[in-house]
């Protein structure tokens, strides 16, 4: 199963470190599933480099191939979009 780990960013590098630890801990405790966090998967992009709408689009593309959504932070506007998209497909 592919598990999407949603975590707020907002340009704060500390959020990347928190998401990294959460995703790491989830993965090592559950080797039967694959945990993917878009914040980490797309960390090669600078914050705002391609624009918020495009960033959300690629995150939602990733979410669309996942089986489960886990919310691992406070709910930001972006995380709320991810939650809404997951609800639309019955996730």
C-alpha atoms as a PDB file:
ATOM      1  CA  UNK A   1       0.000   0.000   0.000  1.00  0.00           C
ATOM      2  CA  UNK A   2       1.229   3.521  -0.808  1.00  0.00           C
ATOM      3  CA  UNK A   3       0.655   5.940   2.070  1.00  0.00           C
ATOM      4  CA  UNK A   4       0.716   9.705   1.487  1.00  0.00           C
ATOM      5  CA  UNK A   5       2.041  11.643   4.486  1.00  0.00           C
ATOM      6  CA  UNK A   6       0.675  15.201   4.383  1.00  0.00           C
ATOM      7  CA  UNK A   7       2.667  17.809   6.305  1.00  0.00           C
ATOM      8  CA  UNK A   8       2.514  21.591   6.195  1.00  0.00           C
ATOM      9  CA  UNK A   9       5.491  23.510   4.868  1.00  0.00           C
ATOM     10  CA  UNK A  10       4.961  27.242   4.410  1.00  0.00           C
ATOM     11  CA  UNK A  11       8.620  27.764   3.576  1.00  0.00           C
ATOM     12  CA  UNK A  12       9.781  26.727   7.056  1.00  0.00           C
ATOM     13  CA  UNK A  13      12.802  24.383   6.868  1.00  0.00           C
ATOM     14  CA  UNK A  14      11.948  23.053  10.342  1.00  0.00           C
ATOM     15  CA  UNK A  15       8.805  21.525   8.830  1.00  0.00           C
ATOM     16  CA  UNK A  16      10.965  19.505   6.433  1.00  0.00           C
ATOM     17  CA  UNK A  17      12.898  18.078   9.381  1.00  0.00           C
ATOM     18  CA  UNK A  18       9.685  17.229  11.258  1.00  0.00           C
ATOM     19  CA  UNK A  19       8.199  15.581   8.153  1.00  0.00           C
ATOM     20  CA  UNK A  20      11.425  13.650   7.624  1.00  0.00           C
ATOM     21  CA  UNK A  21      11.351  12.252  11.167  1.00  0.00           C
ATOM     22  CA  UNK A  22       7.642  11.388  11.041  1.00  0.00           C
ATOM     23  CA  UNK A  23       7.926   9.685   7.650  1.00  0.00           C
ATOM     24  CA  UNK A  24      11.076   7.850   8.740  1.00  0.00           C
ATOM     25  CA  UNK A  25       9.449   6.571  11.920  1.00  0.00           C
ATOM     26  CA  UNK A  26       6.326   5.441  10.063  1.00  0.00           C
ATOM     27  CA  UNK A  27       8.388   3.610   7.452  1.00  0.00           C
ATOM     28  CA  UNK A  28      10.724   1.751   9.817  1.00  0.00           C
ATOM     29  CA  UNK A  29       7.791   0.660  11.956  1.00  0.00           C
ATOM     30  CA  UNK A  30       5.812  -0.634   8.947  1.00  0.00           C
ATOM     31  CA  UNK A  31       7.906  -2.341   6.293  1.00  0.00           C
ATOM     32  CA  UNK A  32       4.823  -3.762   4.564  1.00  0.00           C
ATOM     33  CA  UNK A  33       3.813  -0.359   3.172  1.00  0.00           C
ATOM     34  CA  UNK A  34       5.506   2.539   1.406  1.00  0.00           C
ATOM     35  CA  UNK A  35       5.305   6.002   2.994  1.00  0.00           C
ATOM     36  CA  UNK A  36       5.754   9.036   0.745  1.00  0.00           C
ATOM     37  CA  UNK A  37       5.702  12.656   1.834  1.00  0.00           C
ATOM     38  CA  UNK A  38       5.486  15.234  -0.963  1.00  0.00           C
ATOM     39  CA  UNK A  39       7.395  17.715   1.150  1.00  0.00           C
ATOM     40  CA  UNK A  40      10.362  15.342   0.994  1.00  0.00           C
ATOM     41  CA  UNK A  41       9.735  14.009  -2.516  1.00  0.00           C
ATOM     42  CA  UNK A  42       9.761  17.514  -3.987  1.00  0.00           C
ATOM     43  CA  UNK A  43      12.387  19.041  -1.687  1.00  0.00           C
ATOM     44  CA  UNK A  44      14.601  19.552  -4.734  1.00  0.00           C
ATOM     45  CA  UNK A  45      12.305  22.455  -5.656  1.00  0.00           C
ATOM     46  CA  UNK A  46      12.772  25.813  -3.954  1.00  0.00           C
ATOM     47  CA  UNK A  47       9.734  27.113  -2.079  1.00  0.00           C
ATOM     48  CA  UNK A  48       7.545  28.949  -4.575  1.00  0.00           C
ATOM     49  CA  UNK A  49       9.857  28.148  -7.483  1.00  0.00           C
ATOM     50  CA  UNK A  50       7.079  26.891  -9.753  1.00  0.00           C
ATOM     51  CA  UNK A  51       4.222  28.655  -7.965  1.00  0.00           C
ATOM     52  CA  UNK A  52       1.765  27.462  -5.345  1.00  0.00           C
ATOM     53  CA  UNK A  53      -0.875  26.210  -7.769  1.00  0.00           C
ATOM     54  CA  UNK A  54       1.612  24.099  -9.737  1.00  0.00           C
ATOM     55  CA  UNK A  55       3.145  22.759  -6.510  1.00  0.00           C
ATOM     56  CA  UNK A  56      -0.279  21.695  -5.273  1.00  0.00           C
ATOM     57  CA  UNK A  57      -1.072  20.117  -8.633  1.00  0.00           C
ATOM     58  CA  UNK A  58       1.964  17.837  -8.495  1.00  0.00           C
ATOM     59  CA  UNK A  59       1.233  16.993  -4.856  1.00  0.00           C
ATOM     60  CA  UNK A  60      -2.326  16.062  -5.771  1.00  0.00           C
ATOM     61  CA  UNK A  61      -1.024  14.005  -8.704  1.00  0.00           C
ATOM     62  CA  UNK A  62       1.060  12.041  -6.221  1.00  0.00           C
ATOM     63  CA  UNK A  63      -1.880  11.728  -3.844  1.00  0.00           C
ATOM     64  CA  UNK A  64      -4.021  10.327  -6.670  1.00  0.00           C
ATOM     65  CA  UNK A  65      -1.882   7.183  -6.869  1.00  0.00           C
ATOM     66  CA  UNK A  66      -1.819   6.619  -3.113  1.00  0.00           C
ATOM     67  CA  UNK A  67      -4.125   4.366  -1.118  1.00  0.00           C
ATOM     68  CA  UNK A  68      -4.195   6.205   2.199  1.00  0.00           C
ATOM     69  CA  UNK A  69      -3.677   9.763   3.441  1.00  0.00           C
ATOM     70  CA  UNK A  70      -2.105  10.453   6.823  1.00  0.00           C
ATOM     71  CA  UNK A  71      -2.159  14.034   8.143  1.00  0.00           C
ATOM     72  CA  UNK A  72       1.046  14.508  10.121  1.00  0.00           C
ATOM     73  CA  UNK A  73       0.894  18.189  11.084  1.00  0.00           C
ATOM     74  CA  UNK A  74      -1.428  21.062  11.739  1.00  0.00           C
ATOM     75  CA  UNK A  75      -3.779  21.618   8.836  1.00  0.00           C
ATOM     76  CA  UNK A  76      -2.512  24.360   6.526  1.00  0.00           C
ATOM     77  CA  UNK A  77      -4.333  25.484   3.385  1.00  0.00           C
ATOM     78  CA  UNK A  78      -2.294  22.991   1.326  1.00  0.00           C
ATOM     79  CA  UNK A  79      -2.938  20.106   3.700  1.00  0.00           C
ATOM     80  CA  UNK A  80      -6.636  20.982   3.620  1.00  0.00           C
ATOM     81  CA  UNK A  81      -6.581  20.735  -0.190  1.00  0.00           C
ATOM     82  CA  UNK A  82      -5.007  17.298   0.150  1.00  0.00           C
ATOM     83  CA  UNK A  83      -7.679  16.223   2.645  1.00  0.00           C
ATOM     84  CA  UNK A  84     -10.461  17.529   0.389  1.00  0.00           C
ATOM     85  CA  UNK A  85      -9.013  15.688  -2.629  1.00  0.00           C
ATOM     86  CA  UNK A  86      -8.707  12.465  -0.638  1.00  0.00           C
ATOM     87  CA  UNK A  87     -12.352  12.755   0.463  1.00  0.00           C
ATOM     88  CA  UNK A  88     -13.464  13.248  -3.148  1.00  0.00           C
ATOM     89  CA  UNK A  89     -12.094   9.817  -4.079  1.00  0.00           C
ATOM     90  CA  UNK A  90     -13.275   8.101  -0.906  1.00  0.00           C
ATOM     91  CA  UNK A  91      -9.839   7.854   0.641  1.00  0.00           C
END
